[in-house]
PDB file of N, CA and C in Angstrom:
ATOM      1  N   MET A   1       0.845  -1.184   0.000  1.00  0.00           N
ATOM      2  CA  MET A   1       0.000   0.000   0.000  1.00  0.00           C
ATOM      3  C   MET A   1       0.886   1.241   0.000  1.00  0.00           C
ATOM      4  N   ALA A   2       0.531   2.211  -0.807  1.00  0.00           N
ATOM      5  CA  ALA A   2       1.316   3.437  -0.910  1.00  0.00           C
ATOM      6  C   ALA A   2       1.140   4.292   0.344  1.00  0.00           C
ATOM      7  N   ASP A   3       2.146   5.078   0.619  1.00  0.00           N
ATOM      8  CA  ASP A   3       2.049   6.000   1.745  1.00  0.00           C
ATOM      9  C   ASP A   3       0.947   7.008   1.460  1.00  0.00           C
ATOM     10  N   PRO A   4       0.230   7.460   2.492  1.00  0.00           N
ATOM     11  CA  PRO A   4      -0.818   8.459   2.258  1.00  0.00           C
ATOM     12  C   PRO A   4      -0.205   9.777   1.785  1.00  0.00           C
ATOM     13  N   PHE A   5      -0.919  10.432   0.904  1.00  0.00           N
ATOM     14  CA  PHE A   5      -0.468  11.717   0.364  1.00  0.00           C
ATOM     15  C   PHE A   5      -0.621  12.787   1.436  1.00  0.00           C
ATOM     16  N   GLU A   6       0.434  13.541   1.669  1.00  0.00           N
ATOM     17  CA  GLU A   6       0.426  14.599   2.677  1.00  0.00           C
ATOM     18  C   GLU A   6       0.704  15.938   1.993  1.00  0.00           C
ATOM     19  N   PRO A   7      -0.353  16.660   1.619  1.00  0.00           N
ATOM     20  CA  PRO A   7      -0.172  17.931   0.916  1.00  0.00           C
ATOM     21  C   PRO A   7       0.717  18.927   1.649  1.00  0.00           C
ATOM     22  N   ALA A   8       0.648  18.958   2.971  1.00  0.00           N
ATOM     23  CA  ALA A   8       1.459  19.917   3.735  1.00  0.00           C
ATOM     24  C   ALA A   8       2.951  19.628   3.606  1.00  0.00           C
ATOM     25  N   ARG A   9       3.310  18.383   3.368  1.00  0.00           N
ATOM     26  CA  ARG A   9       4.718  18.039   3.139  1.00  0.00           C
ATOM     27  C   ARG A   9       5.062  18.149   1.660  1.00  0.00           C
ATOM     28  N   TYR A  10       4.116  17.748   0.801  1.00  0.00           N
ATOM     29  CA  TYR A  10       4.385  17.689  -0.635  1.00  0.00           C
ATOM     30  C   TYR A  10       4.578  19.077  -1.253  1.00  0.00           C
ATOM     31  N   ALA A  11       3.691  20.003  -0.957  1.00  0.00           N
ATOM     32  CA  ALA A  11       3.714  21.310  -1.631  1.00  0.00           C
ATOM     33  C   ALA A  11       5.061  22.024  -1.491  1.00  0.00           C
ATOM     34  N   PRO A  12       5.618  22.178  -0.292  1.00  0.00           N
ATOM     35  CA  PRO A  12       6.915  22.866  -0.209  1.00  0.00           C
ATOM     36  C   PRO A  12       8.046  22.082  -0.874  1.00  0.00           C
ATOM     37  N   MET A  13       7.999  20.752  -0.775  1.00  0.00           N
ATOM     38  CA  MET A  13       9.055  19.947  -1.402  1.00  0.00           C
ATOM     39  C   MET A  13       8.975  20.041  -2.919  1.00  0.00           C
ATOM     40  N   ALA A  14       7.754  20.006  -3.467  1.00  0.00           N
ATOM     41  CA  ALA A  14       7.585  20.109  -4.919  1.00  0.00           C
ATOM     42  C   ALA A  14       8.012  21.486  -5.411  1.00  0.00           C
ATOM     43  N   ALA A  15       7.633  22.519  -4.684  1.00  0.00           N
ATOM     44  CA  ALA A  15       8.029  23.878  -5.071  1.00  0.00           C
ATOM     45  C   ALA A  15       9.544  24.001  -5.079  1.00  0.00           C
ATOM     46  N   SER A  16      10.174  23.468  -4.072  1.00  0.00           N
ATOM     47  CA  SER A  16      11.635  23.516  -3.990  1.00  0.00           C
ATOM     48  C   SER A  16      12.269  22.737  -5.141  1.00  0.00           C
ATOM     49  N   ALA A  17      11.751  21.551  -5.415  1.00  0.00           N
ATOM     50  CA  ALA A  17      12.310  20.724  -6.491  1.00  0.00           C
ATOM     51  C   ALA A  17      12.179  21.404  -7.851  1.00  0.00           C
ATOM     52  N   LEU A  18      11.109  22.187  -8.014  1.00  0.00           N
ATOM     53  CA  LEU A  18      10.890  22.889  -9.285  1.00  0.00           C
ATOM     54  C   LEU A  18      11.537  24.268  -9.315  1.00  0.00           C
ATOM     55  N   GLY A  19      12.132  24.672  -8.209  1.00  0.00           N
ATOM     56  CA  GLY A  19      12.763  25.988  -8.147  1.00  0.00           C
ATOM     57  C   GLY A  19      11.757  27.122  -8.073  1.00  0.00           C
ATOM     58  N   LEU A  20      10.568  26.828  -7.549  1.00  0.00           N
ATOM     59  CA  LEU A  20       9.530  27.854  -7.438  1.00  0.00           C
ATOM     60  C   LEU A  20       9.497  28.392  -6.023  1.00  0.00           C
ATOM     61  N   PRO A  21       9.480  29.711  -5.877  1.00  0.00           N
ATOM     62  CA  PRO A  21       9.358  30.255  -4.524  1.00  0.00           C
ATOM     63  C   PRO A  21       7.940  30.025  -4.000  1.00  0.00           C
ATOM     64  N   LEU A  22       7.827  29.649  -2.732  1.00  0.00           N
ATOM     65  CA  LEU A  22       6.520  29.469  -2.106  1.00  0.00           C
ATOM     66  C   LEU A  22       6.540  30.238  -0.797  1.00  0.00           C
ATOM     67  N   ALA A  23       6.002  31.447  -0.860  1.00  0.00           N
ATOM     68  CA  ALA A  23       5.976  32.307   0.325  1.00  0.00           C
ATOM     69  C   ALA A  23       5.085  31.685   1.391  1.00  0.00           C
ATOM     70  N   GLU A  24       5.463  31.869   2.642  1.00  0.00           N
ATOM     71  CA  GLU A  24       4.685  31.295   3.743  1.00  0.00           C
ATOM     72  C   GLU A  24       3.233  31.744   3.709  1.00  0.00           C
ATOM     73  N   GLU A  25       3.005  32.991   3.316  1.00  0.00           N
ATOM     74  CA  GLU A  25       1.623  33.491   3.278  1.00  0.00           C
ATOM     75  C   GLU A  25       0.800  32.848   2.156  1.00  0.00           C
ATOM     76  N   ASP A  26       1.459  32.262   1.165  1.00  0.00           N
ATOM     77  CA  ASP A  26       0.758  31.573   0.075  1.00  0.00           C
ATOM     78  C   ASP A  26       0.654  30.073   0.302  1.00  0.00           C
ATOM     79  N   ALA A  27       1.496  29.537   1.153  1.00  0.00           N
ATOM     80  CA  ALA A  27       1.571  28.089   1.344  1.00  0.00           C
ATOM     81  C   ALA A  27       0.242  27.495   1.788  1.00  0.00           C
ATOM     82  N   ARG A  28      -0.470  28.148   2.666  1.00  0.00           N
ATOM     83  CA  ARG A  28      -1.742  27.613   3.166  1.00  0.00           C
ATOM     84  C   ARG A  28      -2.740  27.400   2.023  1.00  0.00           C
ATOM     85  N   GLU A  29      -2.829  28.363   1.106  1.00  0.00           N
ATOM     86  CA  GLU A  29      -3.761  28.237  -0.021  1.00  0.00           C
ATOM     87  C   GLU A  29      -3.307  27.165  -1.004  1.00  0.00           C
ATOM     88  N   VAL A  30      -2.005  27.058  -1.231  1.00  0.00           N
ATOM     89  CA  VAL A  30      -1.474  26.025  -2.128  1.00  0.00           C
ATOM     90  C   VAL A  30      -1.755  24.644  -1.540  1.00  0.00           C
ATOM     91  N   ILE A  31      -1.522  24.488  -0.258  1.00  0.00           N
ATOM     92  CA  ILE A  31      -1.778  23.207   0.408  1.00  0.00           C
ATOM     93  C   ILE A  31      -3.267  22.876   0.347  1.00  0.00           C
ATOM     94  N   ALA A  32      -4.128  23.857   0.570  1.00  0.00           N
ATOM     95  CA  ALA A  32      -5.577  23.633   0.492  1.00  0.00           C
ATOM     96  C   ALA A  32      -5.980  23.178  -0.907  1.00  0.00           C
ATOM     97  N   ALA A  33      -5.367  23.745  -1.934  1.00  0.00           N
ATOM     98  CA  ALA A  33      -5.664  23.328  -3.306  1.00  0.00           C
ATOM     99  C   ALA A  33      -5.245  21.880  -3.526  1.00  0.00           C
ATOM    100  N   PHE A  34      -4.087  21.493  -2.986  1.00  0.00           N
ATOM    101  CA  PHE A  34      -3.639  20.102  -3.128  1.00  0.00           C
ATOM    102  C   PHE A  34      -4.543  19.141  -2.367  1.00  0.00           C
ATOM    103  N   VAL A  35      -5.113  19.572  -1.250  1.00  0.00           N
ATOM    104  CA  VAL A  35      -6.065  18.731  -0.518  1.00  0.00           C
ATOM    105  C   VAL A  35      -7.273  18.423  -1.411  1.00  0.00           C
ATOM    106  N   VAL A  36      -7.793  19.447  -2.073  1.00  0.00           N
ATOM    107  CA  VAL A  36      -8.936  19.252  -2.972  1.00  0.00           C
ATOM    108  C   VAL A  36      -8.539  18.374  -4.159  1.00  0.00           C
ATOM    109  N   LEU A  37      -7.387  18.641  -4.760  1.00  0.00           N
ATOM    110  CA  LEU A  37      -6.931  17.839  -5.896  1.00  0.00           C
ATOM    111  C   LEU A  37      -6.743  16.375  -5.511  1.00  0.00           C
ATOM    112  N   ALA A  38      -6.208  16.125  -4.328  1.00  0.00           N
ATOM    113  CA  ALA A  38      -6.008  14.752  -3.870  1.00  0.00           C
ATOM    114  C   ALA A  38      -7.344  14.049  -3.674  1.00  0.00           C
ATOM    115  N   ARG A  39      -8.326  14.766  -3.162  1.00  0.00           N
ATOM    116  CA  ARG A  39      -9.656  14.182  -2.956  1.00  0.00           C
ATOM    117  C   ARG A  39     -10.265  13.777  -4.298  1.00  0.00           C
ATOM    118  N   VAL A  40     -10.154  14.634  -5.289  1.00  0.00           N
ATOM    119  CA  VAL A  40     -10.682  14.332  -6.622  1.00  0.00           C
ATOM    120  C   VAL A  40      -9.899  13.180  -7.254  1.00  0.00           C
ATOM    121  N   ALA A  41      -8.591  13.203  -7.126  1.00  0.00           N
ATOM    122  CA  ALA A  41      -7.760  12.139  -7.698  1.00  0.00           C
ATOM    123  C   ALA A  41      -8.093  10.788  -7.081  1.00  0.00           C
ATOM    124  N   ASN A  42      -8.380  10.769  -5.780  1.00  0.00           N
ATOM    125  CA  ASN A  42      -8.744   9.506  -5.135  1.00  0.00           C
ATOM    126  C   ASN A  42     -10.008   8.915  -5.735  1.00  0.00           C
ATOM    127  N   VAL A  43     -10.974   9.761  -6.067  1.00  0.00           N
ATOM    128  CA  VAL A  43     -12.211   9.282  -6.696  1.00  0.00           C
ATOM    129  C   VAL A  43     -11.894   8.677  -8.056  1.00  0.00           C
ATOM    130  N   VAL A  44     -11.097   9.370  -8.851  1.00  0.00           N
ATOM    131  CA  VAL A  44     -10.744   8.886 -10.186  1.00  0.00           C
ATOM    132  C   VAL A  44      -9.932   7.603 -10.102  1.00  0.00           C
ATOM    133  N   MET A  45      -8.943   7.569  -9.225  1.00  0.00           N
ATOM    134  CA  MET A  45      -8.066   6.402  -9.119  1.00  0.00           C
ATOM    135  C   MET A  45      -8.762   5.183  -8.526  1.00  0.00           C
ATOM    136  N   SER A  46      -9.839   5.374  -7.797  1.00  0.00           N
ATOM    137  CA  SER A  46     -10.541   4.235  -7.195  1.00  0.00           C
ATOM    138  C   SER A  46     -11.526   3.583  -8.154  1.00  0.00           C
ATOM    139  N   PHE A  47     -11.749   4.190  -9.311  1.00  0.00           N
ATOM    140  CA  PHE A  47     -12.689   3.639 -10.278  1.00  0.00           C
ATOM    141  C   PHE A  47     -12.053   2.433 -10.970  1.00  0.00           C
ATOM    142  N   PRO A  48     -12.680   1.264 -10.849  1.00  0.00           N
ATOM    143  CA  PRO A  48     -12.077   0.064 -11.447  1.00  0.00           C
ATOM    144  C   PRO A  48     -12.178   0.074 -12.976  1.00  0.00           C
ATOM    145  N   LEU A  49     -11.123  -0.333 -13.614  1.00  0.00           N
ATOM    146  CA  LEU A  49     -11.107  -0.453 -15.071  1.00  0.00           C
ATOM    147  C   LEU A  49     -10.898  -1.914 -15.445  1.00  0.00           C
ATOM    148  N   PRO A  50     -11.550  -2.354 -16.509  1.00  0.00           N
ATOM    149  CA  PRO A  50     -11.339  -3.729 -16.954  1.00  0.00           C
ATOM    150  C   PRO A  50      -9.899  -3.926 -17.421  1.00  0.00           C
ATOM    151  N   GLU A  51      -9.400  -5.144 -17.292  1.00  0.00           N
ATOM    152  CA  GLU A  51      -8.021  -5.464 -17.678  1.00  0.00           C
ATOM    153  C   GLU A  51      -7.738  -5.174 -19.156  1.00  0.00           C
ATOM    154  N   GLU A  52      -8.759  -5.272 -20.013  1.00  0.00           N
ATOM    155  CA  GLU A  52      -8.524  -5.092 -21.446  1.00  0.00           C
ATOM    156  C   GLU A  52      -8.395  -3.619 -21.866  1.00  0.00           C
ATOM    157  N   VAL A  53      -8.632  -2.704 -20.960  1.00  0.00           N
ATOM    158  CA  VAL A  53      -8.487  -1.284 -21.267  1.00  0.00           C
ATOM    159  C   VAL A  53      -7.007  -0.941 -21.321  1.00  0.00           C
ATOM    160  N   ILE A  54      -6.614  -0.275 -22.387  1.00  0.00           N
ATOM    161  CA  ILE A  54      -5.220   0.139 -22.562  1.00  0.00           C
ATOM    162  C   ILE A  54      -5.181   1.662 -22.563  1.00  0.00           C
ATOM    163  N   ALA A  55      -4.372   2.209 -21.690  1.00  0.00           N
ATOM    164  CA  ALA A  55      -4.260   3.664 -21.613  1.00  0.00           C
ATOM    165  C   ALA A  55      -3.560   4.211 -22.851  1.00  0.00           C
ATOM    166  N   ALA A  56      -4.045   5.327 -23.346  1.00  0.00           N
ATOM    167  CA  ALA A  56      -3.418   5.976 -24.491  1.00  0.00           C
ATOM    168  C   ALA A  56      -2.130   6.650 -24.051  1.00  0.00           C
ATOM    169  N   ALA A  57      -1.098   6.548 -24.867  1.00  0.00           N
ATOM    170  CA  ALA A  57       0.174   7.196 -24.557  1.00  0.00           C
ATOM    171  C   ALA A  57       0.039   8.718 -24.655  1.00  0.00           C
ATOM    172  N   VAL A  58      -0.773   9.171 -25.600  1.00  0.00           N
ATOM    173  CA  VAL A  58      -0.997  10.594 -25.812  1.00  0.00           C
ATOM    174  C   VAL A  58      -2.485  10.809 -26.007  1.00  0.00           C
ATOM    175  N   PHE A  59      -3.072  11.779 -25.289  1.00  0.00           N
ATOM    176  CA  PHE A  59      -4.481  12.105 -25.452  1.00  0.00           C
ATOM    177  C   PHE A  59      -4.615  13.264 -26.425  1.00  0.00           C
ATOM    178  N   SER A  60      -5.354  13.051 -27.490  1.00  0.00           N
ATOM    179  CA  SER A  60      -5.641  14.103 -28.465  1.00  0.00           C
ATOM    180  C   SER A  60      -7.158  14.099 -28.715  1.00  0.00           C
ATOM    181  N   PRO A  61      -7.854  15.057 -28.168  1.00  0.00           N
ATOM    182  CA  PRO A  61      -9.317  15.057 -28.329  1.00  0.00           C
ATOM    183  C   PRO A  61      -9.753  15.173 -29.785  1.00  0.00           C
ATOM    184  N   ASP A  62      -8.887  15.709 -30.635  1.00  0.00           N
ATOM    185  CA  ASP A  62      -9.232  15.852 -32.051  1.00  0.00           C
ATOM    186  C   ASP A  62      -8.454  14.854 -32.923  1.00  0.00           C
ATOM    187  N   ASP A  63      -7.997  13.766 -32.330  1.00  0.00           N
ATOM    188  CA  ASP A  63      -7.204  12.751 -33.037  1.00  0.00           C
ATOM    189  C   ASP A  63      -5.931  13.305 -33.642  1.00  0.00           C
ATOM    190  N   GLY A  64      -5.429  14.428 -33.105  1.00  0.00           N
ATOM    191  CA  GLY A  64      -4.174  14.990 -33.556  1.00  0.00           C
ATOM    192  C   GLY A  64      -4.267  15.757 -34.867  1.00  0.00           C
ATOM    193  N   LYS A  65      -5.474  15.945 -35.368  1.00  0.00           N
ATOM    194  CA  LYS A  65      -5.643  16.671 -36.638  1.00  0.00           C
ATOM    195  C   LYS A  65      -5.813  18.159 -36.365  1.00  0.00           C
ATOM    196  N   ALA A  66      -4.896  18.957 -36.864  1.00  0.00           N
ATOM    197  CA  ALA A  66      -4.993  20.409 -36.713  1.00  0.00           C
ATOM    198  C   ALA A  66      -6.034  20.936 -37.682  1.00  0.00           C
ATOM    199  N   GLN A  67      -6.697  21.992 -37.248  1.00  0.00           N
ATOM    200  CA  GLN A  67      -7.720  22.578 -38.123  1.00  0.00           C
ATOM    201  C   GLN A  67      -7.189  23.769 -38.859  1.00  0.00           C
TER     202      GLN A  67
END
């Protein structure tokens, strides 16, 4: 089982890894956004898919055809 996602730990580490400044006054809102994103991701990731489903390597809603 994977470790539980901890937005309060992840957000500052991710910002640092990407070289993005994360001011303390902004951190609370960034962490709150990650809490919501994690909740939504859990719903998506918990949806069972049949074994025969193959994920697309690249998603192109228009089949890659430029207009």
